Amino acid sequence: MDLSMTTDYVTYLGNPKCYLHRIAEAGFTHIHWCHEWNTTHLYSDEEVTEIKIWLQNLGLELLDLHAPHGVRTGWGSGLEEERLAAVKLIRNRIDMTARLAGGAIVLHLPQTPNSPRDLDIYRASLRRSLDELEPHATGVSIRIALENMENDDFEDLERFFSAYDPGFLGLCYDSGHGNIGRSGLDNLVRFRDRLVSVHIHDNNGTQDQHCLPFSGTVDWARLSQIMATSSYEGCVSLESNMRGQDVEEHVYLNQAHQAGSALVRLIETERGGRESRDT
């Protein structure tokens, strides 16, 4: 089982080339592309070609990519111009992921409105966006993974999983988000067969801190058991970052690789134990 590191462990803005070099030097084999995740930047063909060359030269592979959530865009917006702008951004990232031979893009569900009327508009807009994205994504064999958020009851996730084929729509389980509210792992058990992406990081159970695994209160033993019996076949993919920490970059990346490797061992041990019991 390989290890993936998020590209935004320092920042999600600017040129990530130097971070890709350091990720490769630390021993990671894959990346989660998280640059420009909170902007309206559209990657050009020339940019994607350059990124592809960087990855090839560094021996890195794209695992998956975080779709953007820019200002005045929203794929669940009731304003059609904002919804269409979001769909355009997501299509741009689908194409980028396909060209870089990744497997999925990760989408946040927007914040759920409070009023029943706004909620109906929101859900209808989300369905319209997914209906428009489905043929584009399936045409290039890229899956969309909806990410659980903090204190998520998985109600909307369940609604969309029931409506769309698993070959198109799956789950990105974010271990940090799932640890806030503490119901994440129970819900992951319910949807383990839809798991196509993971965001691995830790926290204290009250704040989304994006700490390294085994430094907070996530139940890593239980998470490894669930992952070992899930549909997920990818890397242990870290979405931790060093922002706000007094640590040198190379030291942090080495610590990240060690923590990720420890989780890999837990998952592989669990898989090995289950295979032994099945034979």
C-alpha atoms as a PDB file:
ATOM      1  CA  MET A   1       0.000   0.000   0.000  1.00  0.00           C
ATOM      2  CA  ASP A   2       1.585   3.263  -1.149  1.00  0.00           C
ATOM      3  CA  LEU A   3       1.657   6.682   0.522  1.00  0.00           C
ATOM      4  CA  SER A   4       0.262   9.943  -0.827  1.00  0.00           C
ATOM      5  CA  MET A   5       0.870  13.495   0.436  1.00  0.00           C
ATOM      6  CA  THR A   6      -1.253  16.551  -0.165  1.00  0.00           C
ATOM      7  CA  THR A   7       0.448  19.282  -2.200  1.00  0.00           C
ATOM      8  CA  ASP A   8      -0.800  22.048   0.132  1.00  0.00           C
ATOM      9  CA  TYR A   9       1.030  20.984   3.300  1.00  0.00           C
ATOM     10  CA  VAL A  10       2.554  24.490   3.348  1.00  0.00           C
ATOM     11  CA  THR A  11       0.147  26.531   1.179  1.00  0.00           C
ATOM     12  CA  TYR A  12      -2.525  25.929  -1.454  1.00  0.00           C
ATOM     13  CA  LEU A  13      -1.513  28.995  -3.488  1.00  0.00           C
ATOM     14  CA  GLY A  14       1.317  29.633  -5.917  1.00  0.00           C
ATOM     15  CA  ASN A  15       3.630  27.324  -7.815  1.00  0.00           C
ATOM     16  CA  PRO A  16       3.800  23.886  -6.106  1.00  0.00           C
ATOM     17  CA  LYS A  17       6.882  22.622  -7.949  1.00  0.00           C
ATOM     18  CA  CYS A  18       9.210  22.979  -4.945  1.00  0.00           C
ATOM     19  CA  TYR A  19       6.744  21.092  -2.723  1.00  0.00           C
ATOM     20  CA  LEU A  20       6.481  18.269  -5.234  1.00  0.00           C
ATOM     21  CA  HIS A  21      10.270  17.896  -5.108  1.00  0.00           C
ATOM     22  CA  ARG A  22      10.238  17.675  -1.316  1.00  0.00           C
ATOM     23  CA  ILE A  23       7.329  15.235  -1.265  1.00  0.00           C
ATOM     24  CA  ALA A  24       9.256  12.942  -3.609  1.00  0.00           C
ATOM     25  CA  GLU A  25      12.468  13.311  -1.588  1.00  0.00           C
ATOM     26  CA  ALA A  26      10.599  12.262   1.565  1.00  0.00           C
ATOM     27  CA  GLY A  27       9.655   8.954  -0.091  1.00  0.00           C
ATOM     28  CA  PHE A  28       6.010   9.487  -1.031  1.00  0.00           C
ATOM     29  CA  THR A  29       4.897   7.840  -4.271  1.00  0.00           C
ATOM     30  CA  HIS A  30       1.642   9.740  -4.894  1.00  0.00           C
ATOM     31  CA  ILE A  31       0.112  13.167  -4.380  1.00  0.00           C
ATOM     32  CA  HIS A  32      -3.301  14.552  -3.589  1.00  0.00           C
ATOM     33  CA  TRP A  33      -3.499  17.762  -5.658  1.00  0.00           C
ATOM     34  CA  CYS A  34      -4.923  20.419  -3.348  1.00  0.00           C
ATOM     35  CA  HIS A  35      -3.521  23.583  -4.909  1.00  0.00           C
ATOM     36  CA  GLU A  36      -6.016  26.296  -5.892  1.00  0.00           C
ATOM     37  CA  TRP A  37      -8.770  24.400  -4.060  1.00  0.00           C
ATOM     38  CA  ASN A  38     -10.291  27.645  -2.752  1.00  0.00           C
ATOM     39  CA  THR A  39      -9.963  29.822  -5.858  1.00  0.00           C
ATOM     40  CA  THR A  40     -11.539  30.150  -9.287  1.00  0.00           C
ATOM     41  CA  HIS A  41      -8.336  29.315 -11.147  1.00  0.00           C
ATOM     42  CA  LEU A  42      -8.853  27.373 -14.378  1.00  0.00           C
ATOM     43  CA  TYR A  43      -5.844  25.246 -15.314  1.00  0.00           C
ATOM     44  CA  SER A  44      -4.797  25.690 -18.930  1.00  0.00           C
ATOM     45  CA  ASP A  45      -3.652  22.848 -21.181  1.00  0.00           C
ATOM     46  CA  GLU A  46      -0.121  24.264 -20.975  1.00  0.00           C
ATOM     47  CA  GLU A  47      -0.144  24.236 -17.176  1.00  0.00           C
ATOM     48  CA  VAL A  48      -1.382  20.647 -17.018  1.00  0.00           C
ATOM     49  CA  THR A  49       1.273  19.564 -19.513  1.00  0.00           C
ATOM     50  CA  GLU A  50       3.961  21.189 -17.353  1.00  0.00           C
ATOM     51  CA  ILE A  51       2.632  19.534 -14.192  1.00  0.00           C
ATOM     52  CA  LYS A  52       2.602  16.174 -15.969  1.00  0.00           C
ATOM     53  CA  ILE A  53       6.281  16.591 -16.839  1.00  0.00           C
ATOM     54  CA  TRP A  54       7.106  17.527 -13.236  1.00  0.00           C
ATOM     55  CA  LEU A  55       5.410  14.401 -11.905  1.00  0.00           C
ATOM     56  CA  GLN A  56       7.082  12.143 -14.450  1.00  0.00           C
ATOM     57  CA  ASN A  57      10.518  13.577 -13.676  1.00  0.00           C
ATOM     58  CA  LEU A  58       9.988  13.153  -9.932  1.00  0.00           C
ATOM     59  CA  GLY A  59       8.527   9.648 -10.138  1.00  0.00           C
ATOM     60  CA  LEU A  60       5.253  10.815  -8.559  1.00  0.00           C
ATOM     61  CA  GLU A  61       1.720   9.803  -9.527  1.00  0.00           C
ATOM     62  CA  LEU A  62      -1.510  11.710  -9.063  1.00  0.00           C
ATOM     63  CA  LEU A  63      -3.858   9.816  -6.751  1.00  0.00           C
ATOM     64  CA  ASP A  64      -6.751  12.273  -6.793  1.00  0.00           C
ATOM     65  CA  LEU A  65      -7.520  15.982  -6.803  1.00  0.00           C
ATOM     66  CA  HIS A  66      -9.484  18.390  -4.646  1.00  0.00           C
ATOM     67  CA  ALA A  67     -12.079  20.277  -6.673  1.00  0.00           C
ATOM     68  CA  PRO A  68     -12.167  24.057  -6.165  1.00  0.00           C
ATOM     69  CA  HIS A  69     -14.637  26.149  -4.185  1.00  0.00           C
ATOM     70  CA  GLY A  70     -14.057  29.676  -5.415  1.00  0.00           C
ATOM     71  CA  VAL A  71     -15.716  32.990  -4.627  1.00  0.00           C
ATOM     72  CA  ARG A  72     -19.158  33.510  -6.248  1.00  0.00           C
ATOM     73  CA  THR A  73     -19.317  29.896  -7.361  1.00  0.00           C
ATOM     74  CA  GLY A  74     -21.284  27.046  -5.848  1.00  0.00           C
ATOM     75  CA  TRP A  75     -22.536  23.849  -7.416  1.00  0.00           C
ATOM     76  CA  GLY A  76     -25.526  23.956  -5.079  1.00  0.00           C
ATOM     77  CA  SER A  77     -26.255  27.641  -5.573  1.00  0.00           C
ATOM     78  CA  GLY A  78     -29.757  28.821  -6.412  1.00  0.00           C
ATOM     79  CA  LEU A  79     -28.179  31.511  -8.593  1.00  0.00           C
ATOM     80  CA  GLU A  80     -27.741  29.892 -11.975  1.00  0.00           C
ATOM     81  CA  GLU A  81     -24.668  31.926 -12.943  1.00  0.00           C
ATOM     82  CA  GLU A  82     -22.889  30.817  -9.747  1.00  0.00           C
ATOM     83  CA  ARG A  83     -23.894  27.194 -10.253  1.00  0.00           C
ATOM     84  CA  LEU A  84     -22.718  27.173 -13.862  1.00  0.00           C
ATOM     85  CA  ALA A  85     -19.415  28.793 -12.859  1.00  0.00           C
ATOM     86  CA  ALA A  86     -18.876  26.000 -10.329  1.00  0.00           C
ATOM     87  CA  VAL A  87     -19.702  23.295 -12.869  1.00  0.00           C
ATOM     88  CA  LYS A  88     -17.183  24.854 -15.259  1.00  0.00           C
ATOM     89  CA  LEU A  89     -14.479  24.736 -12.559  1.00  0.00           C
ATOM     90  CA  ILE A  90     -15.278  21.121 -11.697  1.00  0.00           C
ATOM     91  CA  ARG A  91     -15.158  20.086 -15.357  1.00  0.00           C
ATOM     92  CA  ASN A  92     -11.753  21.754 -15.605  1.00  0.00           C
ATOM     93  CA  ARG A  93     -10.513  19.616 -12.716  1.00  0.00           C
ATOM     94  CA  ILE A  94     -12.066  16.450 -14.128  1.00  0.00           C
ATOM     95  CA  ASP A  95     -10.127  17.004 -17.343  1.00  0.00           C
ATOM     96  CA  MET A  96      -6.943  17.799 -15.407  1.00  0.00           C
ATOM     97  CA  THR A  97      -7.289  14.639 -13.311  1.00  0.00           C
ATOM     98  CA  ALA A  98      -7.842  12.521 -16.413  1.00  0.00           C
ATOM     99  CA  ARG A  99      -4.804  13.961 -18.193  1.00  0.00           C
ATOM    100  CA  LEU A 100      -2.656  13.311 -15.105  1.00  0.00           C
ATOM    101  CA  ALA A 101      -3.979   9.728 -14.801  1.00  0.00           C
ATOM    102  CA  GLY A 102      -5.658  10.238 -11.445  1.00  0.00           C
ATOM    103  CA  GLY A 103      -8.754   8.359 -10.381  1.00  0.00           C
ATOM    104  CA  ALA A 104     -11.101  10.802  -8.675  1.00  0.00           C
ATOM    105  CA  ILE A 105     -11.882  14.380  -7.780  1.00  0.00           C
ATOM    106  CA  VAL A 106     -13.114  15.301  -4.302  1.00  0.00           C
ATOM    107  CA  LEU A 107     -16.063  17.648  -3.800  1.00  0.00           C
ATOM    108  CA  HIS A 108     -17.347  19.337  -0.653  1.00  0.00           C
ATOM    109  CA  LEU A 109     -21.091  19.544  -0.276  1.00  0.00           C
ATOM    110  CA  PRO A 110     -21.912  23.231   0.284  1.00  0.00           C
ATOM    111  CA  GLN A 111     -23.285  24.304   3.651  1.00  0.00           C
ATOM    112  CA  THR A 112     -26.876  23.153   4.039  1.00  0.00           C
ATOM    113  CA  PRO A 113     -29.425  26.008   4.175  1.00  0.00           C
ATOM    114  CA  ASN A 114     -31.709  26.349   7.187  1.00  0.00           C
ATOM    115  CA  SER A 115     -35.046  27.195   5.584  1.00  0.00           C
ATOM    116  CA  PRO A 116     -37.097  24.410   3.918  1.00  0.00           C
ATOM    117  CA  ARG A 117     -37.531  26.495   0.755  1.00  0.00           C
ATOM    118  CA  ASP A 118     -33.801  27.182   0.421  1.00  0.00           C
ATOM    119  CA  LEU A 119     -33.059  23.536   1.188  1.00  0.00           C
ATOM    120  CA  ASP A 120     -35.251  22.390  -1.699  1.00  0.00           C
ATOM    121  CA  ILE A 121     -33.518  24.821  -4.079  1.00  0.00           C
ATOM    122  CA  TYR A 122     -30.103  23.722  -2.803  1.00  0.00           C
ATOM    123  CA  ARG A 123     -30.780  20.024  -3.320  1.00  0.00           C
ATOM    124  CA  ALA A 124     -32.304  20.591  -6.750  1.00  0.00           C
ATOM    125  CA  SER A 125     -29.237  22.611  -7.769  1.00  0.00           C
ATOM    126  CA  LEU A 126     -26.908  19.885  -6.541  1.00  0.00           C
ATOM    127  CA  ARG A 127     -28.828  17.269  -8.535  1.00  0.00           C
ATOM    128  CA  ARG A 128     -28.755  19.463 -11.639  1.00  0.00           C
ATOM    129  CA  SER A 129     -25.005  19.912 -11.310  1.00  0.00           C
ATOM    130  CA  LEU A 130     -24.365  16.196 -10.810  1.00  0.00           C
ATOM    131  CA  ASP A 131     -26.605  15.357 -13.768  1.00  0.00           C
ATOM    132  CA  GLU A 132     -24.535  17.695 -15.937  1.00  0.00           C
ATOM    133  CA  LEU A 133     -21.206  16.394 -14.620  1.00  0.00           C
ATOM    134  CA  GLU A 134     -21.979  12.672 -14.811  1.00  0.00           C
ATOM    135  CA  PRO A 135     -21.515  12.154 -18.568  1.00  0.00           C
ATOM    136  CA  HIS A 136     -18.377  14.302 -18.569  1.00  0.00           C
ATOM    137  CA  ALA A 137     -16.789  12.404 -15.659  1.00  0.00           C
ATOM    138  CA  THR A 138     -17.754   8.909 -16.768  1.00  0.00           C
ATOM    139  CA  GLY A 139     -16.600   9.698 -20.292  1.00  0.00           C
ATOM    140  CA  VAL A 140     -13.019  10.069 -19.039  1.00  0.00           C
ATOM    141  CA  SER A 141     -13.322   7.419 -16.249  1.00  0.00           C
ATOM    142  CA  ILE A 142     -13.029   9.881 -13.365  1.00  0.00           C
ATOM    143  CA  ARG A 143     -15.154   9.353 -10.269  1.00  0.00           C
ATOM    144  CA  ILE A 144     -16.515  12.125  -8.074  1.00  0.00           C
ATOM    145  CA  ALA A 145     -16.030  11.570  -4.342  1.00  0.00           C
ATOM    146  CA  LEU A 146     -18.270  13.553  -1.987  1.00  0.00           C
ATOM    147  CA  GLU A 147     -16.448  14.464   1.226  1.00  0.00           C
ATOM    148  CA  ASN A 148     -17.960  14.223   4.697  1.00  0.00           C
ATOM    149  CA  MET A 149     -17.790  17.452   6.679  1.00  0.00           C
ATOM    150  CA  GLU A 150     -17.626  18.335  10.389  1.00  0.00           C
ATOM    151  CA  ASN A 151     -20.571  17.020  12.443  1.00  0.00           C
ATOM    152  CA  ASP A 152     -21.870  15.362   9.289  1.00  0.00           C
ATOM    153  CA  ASP A 153     -24.908  13.108   9.682  1.00  0.00           C
ATOM    154  CA  PHE A 154     -24.369  11.776   6.112  1.00  0.00           C
ATOM    155  CA  GLU A 155     -28.043  12.478   5.282  1.00  0.00           C
ATOM    156  CA  ASP A 156     -27.308  14.309   2.034  1.00  0.00           C
ATOM    157  CA  LEU A 157     -24.485  11.914   1.178  1.00  0.00           C
ATOM    158  CA  GLU A 158     -26.882   8.990   1.553  1.00  0.00           C
ATOM    159  CA  ARG A 159     -29.447  10.765  -0.621  1.00  0.00           C
ATOM    160  CA  PHE A 160     -26.978  11.186  -3.479  1.00  0.00           C
ATOM    161  CA  PHE A 161     -25.463   7.716  -3.154  1.00  0.00           C
ATOM    162  CA  SER A 162     -28.972   6.309  -3.553  1.00  0.00           C
ATOM    163  CA  ALA A 163     -29.545   8.381  -6.680  1.00  0.00           C
ATOM    164  CA  TYR A 164     -26.273   7.818  -8.574  1.00  0.00           C
ATOM    165  CA  ASP A 165     -24.251   4.838  -9.698  1.00  0.00           C
ATOM    166  CA  PRO A 166     -21.156   3.990  -7.607  1.00  0.00           C
ATOM    167  CA  GLY A 167     -19.110   4.026 -10.788  1.00  0.00           C
ATOM    168  CA  PHE A 168     -19.722   7.771 -10.894  1.00  0.00           C
ATOM    169  CA  LEU A 169     -20.286   8.905  -7.302  1.00  0.00           C
ATOM    170  CA  GLY A 170     -18.514   7.699  -4.175  1.00  0.00           C
ATOM    171  CA  LEU A 171     -17.309   8.806  -0.756  1.00  0.00           C
ATOM    172  CA  CYS A 172     -14.170  10.639   0.282  1.00  0.00           C
ATOM    173  CA  TYR A 173     -13.806   9.925   3.992  1.00  0.00           C
ATOM    174  CA  ASP A 174     -12.068  12.746   5.838  1.00  0.00           C
ATOM    175  CA  SER A 175     -10.817  11.339   9.147  1.00  0.00           C
ATOM    176  CA  GLY A 176     -10.438  14.785  10.734  1.00  0.00           C
ATOM    177  CA  HIS A 177     -13.950  15.889   9.825  1.00  0.00           C
ATOM    178  CA  GLY A 178     -15.319  12.531  10.939  1.00  0.00           C
ATOM    179  CA  ASN A 179     -13.659  12.938  14.350  1.00  0.00           C
ATOM    180  CA  ILE A 180     -15.599  16.152  15.022  1.00  0.00           C
ATOM    181  CA  GLY A 181     -18.962  14.991  16.245  1.00  0.00           C
ATOM    182  CA  ARG A 182     -17.524  11.492  16.632  1.00  0.00           C
ATOM    183  CA  SER A 183     -20.094   9.818  14.347  1.00  0.00           C
ATOM    184  CA  GLY A 184     -17.813   9.646  11.329  1.00  0.00           C
ATOM    185  CA  LEU A 185     -16.612   6.070  11.734  1.00  0.00           C
ATOM    186  CA  ASP A 186     -20.128   4.766  12.365  1.00  0.00           C
ATOM    187  CA  ASN A 187     -21.213   6.338   9.100  1.00  0.00           C
ATOM    188  CA  LEU A 188     -18.104   5.096   7.297  1.00  0.00           C
ATOM    189  CA  VAL A 189     -19.130   1.553   8.224  1.00  0.00           C
ATOM    190  CA  ARG A 190     -22.477   2.182   6.500  1.00  0.00           C
ATOM    191  CA  PHE A 191     -20.848   3.439   3.310  1.00  0.00           C
ATOM    192  CA  ARG A 192     -17.590   1.522   3.205  1.00  0.00           C
ATOM    193  CA  ASP A 193     -18.591   0.080  -0.181  1.00  0.00           C
ATOM    194  CA  ARG A 194     -18.711   3.607  -1.651  1.00  0.00           C
ATOM    195  CA  LEU A 195     -15.243   4.609  -0.423  1.00  0.00           C
ATOM    196  CA  VAL A 196     -13.058   5.854  -3.286  1.00  0.00           C
ATOM    197  CA  SER A 197     -10.860   8.474  -1.584  1.00  0.00           C
ATOM    198  CA  VAL A 198      -9.502   9.285   1.880  1.00  0.00           C
ATOM    199  CA  HIS A 199      -8.212  12.431   3.575  1.00  0.00           C
ATOM    200  CA  ILE A 200      -6.091  11.234   6.470  1.00  0.00           C
ATOM    201  CA  HIS A 201      -5.308  13.604   9.349  1.00  0.00           C
ATOM    202  CA  ASP A 202      -5.905  13.951  13.091  1.00  0.00           C
ATOM    203  CA  ASN A 203      -7.289  16.463  15.595  1.00  0.00           C
ATOM    204  CA  ASN A 204      -8.470  16.879  19.176  1.00  0.00           C
ATOM    205  CA  GLY A 205     -12.102  16.124  18.367  1.00  0.00           C
ATOM    206  CA  THR A 206     -13.250  19.749  18.469  1.00  0.00           C
ATOM    207  CA  GLN A 207     -11.235  21.568  15.773  1.00  0.00           C
ATOM    208  CA  ASP A 208     -10.225  20.739  12.198  1.00  0.00           C
ATOM    209  CA  GLN A 209      -6.493  20.921  12.890  1.00  0.00           C
ATOM    210  CA  HIS A 210      -5.073  18.758  10.070  1.00  0.00           C
ATOM    211  CA  CYS A 211      -2.498  17.180  12.393  1.00  0.00           C
ATOM    212  CA  LEU A 212      -0.461  14.083  11.604  1.00  0.00           C
ATOM    213  CA  PRO A 213      -2.009  10.680  12.342  1.00  0.00           C
ATOM    214  CA  PHE A 214      -1.563   9.372  15.917  1.00  0.00           C
ATOM    215  CA  SER A 215      -1.178  12.888  17.368  1.00  0.00           C
ATOM    216  CA  GLY A 216      -4.845  13.439  18.270  1.00  0.00           C
ATOM    217  CA  THR A 217      -7.960  11.466  19.178  1.00  0.00           C
ATOM    218  CA  VAL A 218      -8.952   9.683  15.942  1.00  0.00           C
ATOM    219  CA  ASP A 219      -9.531   5.967  16.578  1.00  0.00           C
ATOM    220  CA  TRP A 220      -6.892   4.710  14.152  1.00  0.00           C
ATOM    221  CA  ALA A 221      -7.307   1.061  15.111  1.00  0.00           C
ATOM    222  CA  ARG A 222     -10.984   1.125  14.191  1.00  0.00           C
ATOM    223  CA  LEU A 223     -10.405   3.218  11.058  1.00  0.00           C
ATOM    224  CA  SER A 224      -7.781   0.755   9.825  1.00  0.00           C
ATOM    225  CA  GLN A 225     -10.214  -2.133  10.382  1.00  0.00           C
ATOM    226  CA  ILE A 226     -12.930  -0.396   8.372  1.00  0.00           C
ATOM    227  CA  MET A 227     -10.565   0.591   5.555  1.00  0.00           C
ATOM    228  CA  ALA A 228      -9.283  -2.977   5.358  1.00  0.00           C
ATOM    229  CA  THR A 229     -12.806  -4.228   4.626  1.00  0.00           C
ATOM    230  CA  SER A 230     -13.889  -1.335   2.394  1.00  0.00           C
ATOM    231  CA  SER A 231     -13.966  -0.860  -1.368  1.00  0.00           C
ATOM    232  CA  TYR A 232     -10.966   1.479  -1.166  1.00  0.00           C
ATOM    233  CA  GLU A 233      -7.937   0.305  -3.132  1.00  0.00           C
ATOM    234  CA  GLY A 234      -5.763   3.451  -3.143  1.00  0.00           C
ATOM    235  CA  CYS A 235      -3.002   4.880  -0.996  1.00  0.00           C
ATOM    236  CA  VAL A 236      -3.024   6.096   2.548  1.00  0.00           C
ATOM    237  CA  SER A 237      -3.434   9.727   1.541  1.00  0.00           C
ATOM    238  CA  LEU A 238      -2.365  12.356   4.063  1.00  0.00           C
ATOM    239  CA  GLU A 239      -4.132  15.721   4.119  1.00  0.00           C
ATOM    240  CA  SER A 240      -2.226  17.052   7.107  1.00  0.00           C
ATOM    241  CA  ASN A 241      -0.302  20.315   7.007  1.00  0.00           C
ATOM    242  CA  MET A 242       2.448  22.089   8.914  1.00  0.00           C
ATOM    243  CA  ARG A 243       0.868  25.546   8.977  1.00  0.00           C
ATOM    244  CA  GLY A 244       1.292  27.174  12.375  1.00  0.00           C
ATOM    245  CA  GLN A 245       3.907  24.659  13.502  1.00  0.00           C
ATOM    246  CA  ASP A 246       7.485  25.460  14.445  1.00  0.00           C
ATOM    247  CA  VAL A 247       9.146  22.663  12.477  1.00  0.00           C
ATOM    248  CA  GLU A 248      11.476  22.494   9.513  1.00  0.00           C
ATOM    249  CA  GLU A 249       9.876  21.331   6.289  1.00  0.00           C
ATOM    250  CA  HIS A 250      12.048  18.262   5.734  1.00  0.00           C
ATOM    251  CA  VAL A 251      11.532  17.183   9.354  1.00  0.00           C
ATOM    252  CA  TYR A 252       7.775  17.543   9.001  1.00  0.00           C
ATOM    253  CA  LEU A 253       7.664  15.503   5.802  1.00  0.00           C
ATOM    254  CA  ASN A 254       9.746  12.748   7.383  1.00  0.00           C
ATOM    255  CA  GLN A 255       7.363  12.694  10.344  1.00  0.00           C
ATOM    256  CA  ALA A 256       4.428  12.563   7.940  1.00  0.00           C
ATOM    257  CA  HIS A 257       5.949   9.630   6.071  1.00  0.00           C
ATOM    258  CA  GLN A 258       6.581   7.759   9.315  1.00  0.00           C
ATOM    259  CA  ALA A 259       3.018   8.340  10.556  1.00  0.00           C
ATOM    260  CA  GLY A 260       1.530   7.342   7.208  1.00  0.00           C
ATOM    261  CA  SER A 261       3.679   4.210   7.098  1.00  0.00           C
ATOM    262  CA  ALA A 262       2.471   3.232  10.566  1.00  0.00           C
ATOM    263  CA  LEU A 263      -1.137   3.474   9.377  1.00  0.00           C
ATOM    264  CA  VAL A 264      -0.292   1.420   6.280  1.00  0.00           C
ATOM    265  CA  ARG A 265       1.054  -1.310   8.558  1.00  0.00           C
ATOM    266  CA  LEU A 266      -2.136  -1.296  10.644  1.00  0.00           C
ATOM    267  CA  ILE A 267      -4.327  -1.642   7.548  1.00  0.00           C
ATOM    268  CA  GLU A 268      -2.171  -4.342   5.980  1.00  0.00           C
ATOM    269  CA  THR A 269      -2.045  -6.267   9.257  1.00  0.00           C
ATOM    270  CA  GLU A 270      -5.823  -6.135   9.469  1.00  0.00           C
ATOM    271  CA  ARG A 271      -6.163  -7.302   5.871  1.00  0.00           C
ATOM    272  CA  GLY A 272      -3.693 -10.105   6.437  1.00  0.00           C
ATOM    273  CA  GLY A 273      -5.528 -11.265   9.549  1.00  0.00           C
ATOM    274  CA  ARG A 274      -8.853 -11.328   7.751  1.00  0.00           C
ATOM    275  CA  GLU A 275      -7.394 -13.244   4.797  1.00  0.00           C
ATOM    276  CA  SER A 276      -5.971 -15.829   7.196  1.00  0.00           C
ATOM    277  CA  ARG A 277      -9.358 -16.267   8.880  1.00  0.00           C
ATOM    278  CA  ASP A 278     -11.044 -16.668   5.494  1.00  0.00           C
ATOM    279  CA  THR A 279      -8.743 -19.481   4.330  1.00  0.00           C
END
